[in-house]
Each structure stands twice: as C-alpha cells, then as structure tokens.
PDB file of N, CA and C in Angstrom:
ATOM      1  N   MET A   1     -93.801  30.597  -9.877  1.00  0.00           N
ATOM      2  CA  MET A   1     -92.664  29.687  -9.039  1.00  0.00           C
ATOM      3  C   MET A   1     -93.432  29.966  -7.435  1.00  0.00           C
ATOM      4  N   PHE A   2     -92.904  28.986  -6.673  1.00  0.00           N
ATOM      5  CA  PHE A   2     -93.634  28.635  -5.537  1.00  0.00           C
ATOM      6  C   PHE A   2     -92.683  29.291  -4.735  1.00  0.00           C
ATOM      7  N   ARG A   3     -92.739  29.981  -3.927  1.00  0.00           N
ATOM      8  CA  ARG A   3     -91.401  30.614  -3.137  1.00  0.00           C
ATOM      9  C   ARG A   3     -92.281  30.570  -1.647  1.00  0.00           C
ATOM     10  N   ALA A   4     -91.926  29.570  -0.312  1.00  0.00           N
ATOM     11  CA  ALA A   4     -92.744  29.472   0.604  1.00  0.00           C
ATOM     12  C   ALA A   4     -91.682  30.558   1.541  1.00  0.00           C
ATOM     13  N   LYS A   5     -92.440  30.987   2.929  1.00  0.00           N
ATOM     14  CA  LYS A   5     -91.538  32.237   3.798  1.00  0.00           C
ATOM     15  C   LYS A   5     -91.156  31.316   4.760  1.00  0.00           C
ATOM     16  N   ASN A   6     -91.900  29.906   5.468  1.00  0.00           N
ATOM     17  CA  ASN A   6     -91.141  29.398   6.120  1.00  0.00           C
ATOM     18  C   ASN A   6     -91.179  27.924   5.760  1.00  0.00           C
ATOM     19  N   LEU A   7     -90.421  27.901   5.345  1.00  0.00           N
ATOM     20  CA  LEU A   7     -90.263  25.919   4.833  1.00  0.00           C
ATOM     21  C   LEU A   7     -89.403  25.147   5.867  1.00  0.00           C
ATOM     22  N   SER A   8     -89.840  24.180   6.387  1.00  0.00           N
ATOM     23  CA  SER A   8     -89.664  22.909   6.867  1.00  0.00           C
ATOM     24  C   SER A   8     -89.306  22.068   6.380  1.00  0.00           C
ATOM     25  N   ALA A   9     -88.662  21.187   7.121  1.00  0.00           N
ATOM     26  CA  ALA A   9     -88.853  19.159   6.988  1.00  0.00           C
ATOM     27  C   ALA A   9     -88.247  18.799   7.878  1.00  0.00           C
ATOM     28  N   SER A  10     -88.868  17.438   7.581  1.00  0.00           N
ATOM     29  CA  SER A  10     -88.135  15.879   8.220  1.00  0.00           C
ATOM     30  C   SER A  10     -88.145  15.416   8.072  1.00  0.00           C
ATOM     31  N   VAL A  11     -86.956  14.385   8.575  1.00  0.00           N
ATOM     32  CA  VAL A  11     -86.515  12.865   8.013  1.00  0.00           C
ATOM     33  C   VAL A  11     -86.529  12.034   8.842  1.00  0.00           C
ATOM     34  N   LEU A  12     -87.064  11.294   9.105  1.00  0.00           N
ATOM     35  CA  LEU A  12     -86.542   9.863   9.766  1.00  0.00           C
ATOM     36  C   LEU A  12     -85.764   8.427   8.873  1.00  0.00           C
ATOM     37  N   ASP A  13     -84.995   8.636   9.746  1.00  0.00           N
ATOM     38  CA  ASP A  13     -83.921   7.609   8.868  1.00  0.00           C
ATOM     39  C   ASP A  13     -83.886   5.963   9.895  1.00  0.00           C
ATOM     40  N   ILE A  14     -84.542   5.022   8.904  1.00  0.00           N
ATOM     41  CA  ILE A  14     -84.640   3.978   9.863  1.00  0.00           C
ATOM     42  C   ILE A  14     -82.815   2.754   9.311  1.00  0.00           C
ATOM     43  N   GLY A  15     -82.752   2.452  10.168  1.00  0.00           N
ATOM     44  CA  GLY A  15     -81.502   2.226   9.959  1.00  0.00           C
ATOM     45  C   GLY A  15     -81.366   0.249  10.309  1.00  0.00           C
ATOM     46  N   SER A  16     -80.146   0.069   9.785  1.00  0.00           N
ATOM     47  CA  SER A  16     -80.217  -1.255  10.175  1.00  0.00           C
ATOM     48  C   SER A  16     -79.297  -1.013  12.013  1.00  0.00           C
ATOM     49  N   SER A  17     -79.188  -0.183  12.646  1.00  0.00           N
ATOM     50  CA  SER A  17     -79.198  -0.821  13.854  1.00  0.00           C
ATOM     51  C   SER A  17     -79.735   0.727  14.798  1.00  0.00           C
ATOM     52  N   LYS A  18     -80.031   1.864  13.912  1.00  0.00           N
ATOM     53  CA  LYS A  18     -80.256   3.369  14.338  1.00  0.00           C
ATOM     54  C   LYS A  18     -81.409   3.612  14.056  1.00  0.00           C
ATOM     55  N   VAL A  19     -81.654   4.795  14.628  1.00  0.00           N
ATOM     56  CA  VAL A  19     -83.134   5.394  14.009  1.00  0.00           C
ATOM     57  C   VAL A  19     -82.843   6.815  13.901  1.00  0.00           C
ATOM     58  N   THR A  20     -82.905   7.678  13.506  1.00  0.00           N
ATOM     59  CA  THR A  20     -82.803   8.713  13.187  1.00  0.00           C
ATOM     60  C   THR A  20     -83.344  10.210  12.994  1.00  0.00           C
ATOM     61  N   ALA A  21     -83.782  11.449  13.741  1.00  0.00           N
ATOM     62  CA  ALA A  21     -84.833  11.584  13.395  1.00  0.00           C
ATOM     63  C   ALA A  21     -83.967  13.290  13.193  1.00  0.00           C
ATOM     64  N   LEU A  22     -84.068  13.944  11.789  1.00  0.00           N
ATOM     65  CA  LEU A  22     -83.886  15.235  11.493  1.00  0.00           C
ATOM     66  C   LEU A  22     -84.789  16.309  11.264  1.00  0.00           C
ATOM     67  N   CYS A  23     -84.681  17.710  11.810  1.00  0.00           N
ATOM     68  CA  CYS A  23     -85.474  18.653  11.676  1.00  0.00           C
ATOM     69  C   CYS A  23     -84.447  19.709  11.126  1.00  0.00           C
ATOM     70  N   GLY A  24     -85.468  20.147  10.123  1.00  0.00           N
ATOM     71  CA  GLY A  24     -84.682  21.548   9.227  1.00  0.00           C
ATOM     72  C   GLY A  24     -85.119  22.215   8.872  1.00  0.00           C
ATOM     73  N   GLY A  25     -85.100  23.584   8.523  1.00  0.00           N
ATOM     74  CA  GLY A  25     -85.826  24.837   8.336  1.00  0.00           C
ATOM     75  C   GLY A  25     -84.938  26.393   7.830  1.00  0.00           C
ATOM     76  N   LYS A  26     -85.506  26.690   6.982  1.00  0.00           N
ATOM     77  CA  LYS A  26     -85.014  27.848   6.781  1.00  0.00           C
ATOM     78  C   LYS A  26     -84.387  28.686   7.636  1.00  0.00           C
ATOM     79  N   ASN A  27     -83.439  29.523   7.604  1.00  0.00           N
ATOM     80  CA  ASN A  27     -82.975  30.684   8.504  1.00  0.00           C
ATOM     81  C   ASN A  27     -81.791  31.425   7.738  1.00  0.00           C
ATOM     82  N   ASN A  28     -82.421  32.921   7.772  1.00  0.00           N
ATOM     83  CA  ASN A  28     -81.458  34.021   7.062  1.00  0.00           C
ATOM     84  C   ASN A  28     -80.847  33.152   5.661  1.00  0.00           C
ATOM     85  N   GLY A  29     -81.651  32.863   4.780  1.00  0.00           N
ATOM     86  CA  GLY A  29     -82.129  32.177   3.356  1.00  0.00           C
ATOM     87  C   GLY A  29     -80.838  30.938   3.186  1.00  0.00           C
ATOM     88  N   ARG A  30     -80.580  30.556   4.575  1.00  0.00           N
ATOM     89  CA  ARG A  30     -80.169  29.037   3.996  1.00  0.00           C
ATOM     90  C   ARG A  30     -80.481  27.572   5.084  1.00  0.00           C
ATOM     91  N   LEU A  31     -80.401  26.742   4.849  1.00  0.00           N
ATOM     92  CA  LEU A  31     -80.627  25.806   5.633  1.00  0.00           C
ATOM     93  C   LEU A  31     -80.355  25.273   6.905  1.00  0.00           C
ATOM     94  N   ALA A  32     -80.691  25.290   7.944  1.00  0.00           N
ATOM     95  CA  ALA A  32     -80.669  24.904   9.358  1.00  0.00           C
ATOM     96  C   ALA A  32     -80.387  23.703  10.139  1.00  0.00           C
ATOM     97  N   ILE A  33     -79.832  23.505  10.401  1.00  0.00           N
ATOM     98  CA  ILE A  33     -80.585  21.636  11.401  1.00  0.00           C
ATOM     99  C   ILE A  33     -81.399  22.228  12.598  1.00  0.00           C
ATOM    100  N   LEU A  34     -82.731  22.724  13.159  1.00  0.00           N
ATOM    101  CA  LEU A  34     -83.115  22.784  14.078  1.00  0.00           C
ATOM    102  C   LEU A  34     -83.313  21.515  15.089  1.00  0.00           C
ATOM    103  N   GLY A  35     -83.636  20.302  14.914  1.00  0.00           N
ATOM    104  CA  GLY A  35     -83.062  19.196  15.969  1.00  0.00           C
ATOM    105  C   GLY A  35     -82.325  18.008  15.255  1.00  0.00           C
ATOM    106  N   GLN A  36     -81.755  16.959  16.066  1.00  0.00           N
ATOM    107  CA  GLN A  36     -81.372  15.963  15.144  1.00  0.00           C
ATOM    108  C   GLN A  36     -81.291  14.910  16.558  1.00  0.00           C
ATOM    109  N   CYS A  37     -82.036  13.437  16.741  1.00  0.00           N
ATOM    110  CA  CYS A  37     -81.611  12.439  17.752  1.00  0.00           C
ATOM    111  C   CYS A  37     -81.217  10.626  17.233  1.00  0.00           C
ATOM    112  N   THR A  38     -80.658  10.401  17.475  1.00  0.00           N
ATOM    113  CA  THR A  38     -79.935   8.925  16.611  1.00  0.00           C
ATOM    114  C   THR A  38     -80.580   8.130  18.232  1.00  0.00           C
ATOM    115  N   VAL A  39     -81.204   6.871  17.917  1.00  0.00           N
ATOM    116  CA  VAL A  39     -81.327   6.495  19.051  1.00  0.00           C
ATOM    117  C   VAL A  39     -81.691   4.786  18.451  1.00  0.00           C
ATOM    118  N   PRO A  40     -80.124   3.671  19.674  1.00  0.00           N
ATOM    119  CA  PRO A  40     -79.802   2.788  18.488  1.00  0.00           C
ATOM    120  C   PRO A  40     -81.393   2.243  18.809  1.00  0.00           C
ATOM    121  N   TYR A  41     -81.244   0.841  18.140  1.00  0.00           N
ATOM    122  CA  TYR A  41     -81.967  -0.336  18.476  1.00  0.00           C
ATOM    123  C   TYR A  41     -81.299  -1.729  18.158  1.00  0.00           C
ATOM    124  N   SER A  42     -82.625  -2.920  17.698  1.00  0.00           N
ATOM    125  CA  SER A  42     -81.924  -4.197  17.456  1.00  0.00           C
ATOM    126  C   SER A  42     -81.592  -4.081  16.239  1.00  0.00           C
ATOM    127  N   GLY A  43     -82.201  -4.066  16.000  1.00  0.00           N
ATOM    128  CA  GLY A  43     -81.676  -3.782  14.343  1.00  0.00           C
ATOM    129  C   GLY A  43     -82.470  -4.878  13.203  1.00  0.00           C
ATOM    130  N   PHE A  44     -81.976  -5.433  12.025  1.00  0.00           N
ATOM    131  CA  PHE A  44     -83.094  -5.795  11.540  1.00  0.00           C
ATOM    132  C   PHE A  44     -82.338  -7.088  10.463  1.00  0.00           C
ATOM    133  N   MET A  45     -82.600  -8.132  10.252  1.00  0.00           N
ATOM    134  CA  MET A  45     -82.075  -9.386   9.722  1.00  0.00           C
ATOM    135  C   MET A  45     -83.061  -9.883   8.380  1.00  0.00           C
ATOM    136  N   ASP A  46     -82.439 -10.069   7.325  1.00  0.00           N
ATOM    137  CA  ASP A  46     -82.798 -10.643   6.459  1.00  0.00           C
ATOM    138  C   ASP A  46     -84.177 -10.253   6.464  1.00  0.00           C
ATOM    139  N   GLY A  47     -84.311  -8.569   6.158  1.00  0.00           N
ATOM    140  CA  GLY A  47     -85.305  -7.834   5.724  1.00  0.00           C
ATOM    141  C   GLY A  47     -86.879  -7.862   6.917  1.00  0.00           C
ATOM    142  N   GLU A  48     -86.303  -8.366   8.118  1.00  0.00           N
ATOM    143  CA  GLU A  48     -87.309  -8.212   9.700  1.00  0.00           C
ATOM    144  C   GLU A  48     -86.495  -8.259  10.090  1.00  0.00           C
ATOM    145  N   PHE A  49     -87.136  -7.156  10.927  1.00  0.00           N
ATOM    146  CA  PHE A  49     -87.263  -6.313  12.415  1.00  0.00           C
ATOM    147  C   PHE A  49     -87.263  -7.529  13.440  1.00  0.00           C
ATOM    148  N   LEU A  50     -85.795  -7.721  14.155  1.00  0.00           N
ATOM    149  CA  LEU A  50     -85.845  -8.540  15.295  1.00  0.00           C
ATOM    150  C   LEU A  50     -86.554  -8.184  16.938  1.00  0.00           C
ATOM    151  N   ASP A  51     -86.681  -6.558  16.583  1.00  0.00           N
ATOM    152  CA  ASP A  51     -87.712  -7.042  17.905  1.00  0.00           C
ATOM    153  C   ASP A  51     -88.559  -5.342  17.646  1.00  0.00           C
ATOM    154  N   GLU A  52     -90.062  -5.363  17.126  1.00  0.00           N
ATOM    155  CA  GLU A  52     -90.270  -4.624  16.620  1.00  0.00           C
ATOM    156  C   GLU A  52     -91.410  -3.675  17.956  1.00  0.00           C
ATOM    157  N   ALA A  53     -91.166  -3.719  19.077  1.00  0.00           N
ATOM    158  CA  ALA A  53     -91.542  -2.904  20.009  1.00  0.00           C
ATOM    159  C   ALA A  53     -90.412  -2.106  19.962  1.00  0.00           C
ATOM    160  N   ASP A  54     -88.679  -3.029  19.959  1.00  0.00           N
ATOM    161  CA  ASP A  54     -87.731  -2.207  20.366  1.00  0.00           C
ATOM    162  C   ASP A  54     -87.540  -0.945  19.356  1.00  0.00           C
ATOM    163  N   LEU A  55     -87.766  -1.582  18.568  1.00  0.00           N
ATOM    164  CA  LEU A  55     -88.020  -0.091  16.994  1.00  0.00           C
ATOM    165  C   LEU A  55     -89.193   0.753  17.164  1.00  0.00           C
ATOM    166  N   ALA A  56     -90.046   0.253  17.589  1.00  0.00           N
ATOM    167  CA  ALA A  56     -91.255   1.164  17.648  1.00  0.00           C
ATOM    168  C   ALA A  56     -90.566   2.465  18.904  1.00  0.00           C
ATOM    169  N   PHE A  57     -90.516   1.275  20.060  1.00  0.00           N
ATOM    170  CA  PHE A  57     -89.644   2.486  21.491  1.00  0.00           C
ATOM    171  C   PHE A  57     -88.581   3.632  20.735  1.00  0.00           C
ATOM    172  N   ALA A  58     -87.718   3.510  19.998  1.00  0.00           N
ATOM    173  CA  ALA A  58     -86.968   4.426  18.974  1.00  0.00           C
ATOM    174  C   ALA A  58     -86.824   5.008  18.527  1.00  0.00           C
ATOM    175  N   VAL A  59     -88.059   4.445  17.515  1.00  0.00           N
ATOM    176  CA  VAL A  59     -89.199   5.849  16.469  1.00  0.00           C
ATOM    177  C   VAL A  59     -89.643   7.170  17.157  1.00  0.00           C
ATOM    178  N   GLN A  60     -90.407   6.264  18.070  1.00  0.00           N
ATOM    179  CA  GLN A  60     -91.501   7.560  19.326  1.00  0.00           C
ATOM    180  C   GLN A  60     -90.017   8.371  20.268  1.00  0.00           C
ATOM    181  N   LYS A  61     -88.547   7.664  21.172  1.00  0.00           N
ATOM    182  CA  LYS A  61     -87.588   8.492  21.404  1.00  0.00           C
ATOM    183  C   LYS A  61     -87.457   9.638  20.662  1.00  0.00           C
ATOM    184  N   ALA A  62     -86.793   9.103  19.500  1.00  0.00           N
ATOM    185  CA  ALA A  62     -86.118   9.873  18.398  1.00  0.00           C
ATOM    186  C   ALA A  62     -86.606  11.093  17.976  1.00  0.00           C
ATOM    187  N   ILE A  63     -87.972  11.094  17.352  1.00  0.00           N
ATOM    188  CA  ILE A  63     -89.527  11.710  17.745  1.00  0.00           C
ATOM    189  C   ILE A  63     -89.257  12.748  17.959  1.00  0.00           C
ATOM    190  N   SER A  64     -89.948  12.074  19.507  1.00  0.00           N
ATOM    191  CA  SER A  64     -90.235  13.169  20.719  1.00  0.00           C
ATOM    192  C   SER A  64     -89.196  14.128  21.442  1.00  0.00           C
ATOM    193  N   SER A  65     -87.835  13.480  20.771  1.00  0.00           N
ATOM    194  CA  SER A  65     -86.304  14.264  21.019  1.00  0.00           C
ATOM    195  C   SER A  65     -86.181  15.507  20.288  1.00  0.00           C
ATOM    196  N   VAL A  66     -86.262  15.210  18.946  1.00  0.00           N
ATOM    197  CA  VAL A  66     -86.301  16.412  18.059  1.00  0.00           C
ATOM    198  C   VAL A  66     -87.630  17.262  18.609  1.00  0.00           C
ATOM    199  N   GLU A  67     -88.270  16.614  18.875  1.00  0.00           N
ATOM    200  CA  GLU A  67     -89.551  17.780  18.367  1.00  0.00           C
ATOM    201  C   GLU A  67     -89.915  18.417  20.213  1.00  0.00           C
ATOM    202  N   ALA A  68     -89.066  17.923  21.385  1.00  0.00           N
ATOM    203  CA  ALA A  68     -88.370  19.090  22.384  1.00  0.00           C
ATOM    204  C   ALA A  68     -87.785  19.910  22.254  1.00  0.00           C
ATOM    205  N   GLY A  69     -86.919  19.619  21.093  1.00  0.00           N
ATOM    206  CA  GLY A  69     -85.769  20.650  20.800  1.00  0.00           C
ATOM    207  C   GLY A  69     -84.642  20.152  21.930  1.00  0.00           C
TER     208      GLY A  69
END
C-alpha cells in the first residue's frame, strides 16, 4: 500500500461564471485547505467561452493567488 508523508492536491474549477483554484494538504492526519481563490470572468454560452483572454486572466490570477498563500 502506498503511503505518502507529504500529500497535497490542487484543483482548478472553471465554472460558468467564475474560476476557482484550491490547494490542500495533509495536516496532523487531516485534510487542510491551504489556499483558495475565486475569480469571476465573462463565462461561456452554448459551449463556447465568451472572452478567452478574460478566462486566461482569471485562471492566472486564481493560481497566482493560491501560490502566494
């Protein structure tokens, strides 16, 4: 069985109107949220992003914020 001592995970959720980045890790045997950021963006409609540059900015901002702590 695999057992990691320093286990962490990151999630990037691109929703219909916002991007959320989340980072968690193991702390005293429990999952702890280490960073979270939600950034609104112009969204998508009919399966297409309305403004790809706005989406790219929101993704970069969310990830940078979580990395900065």
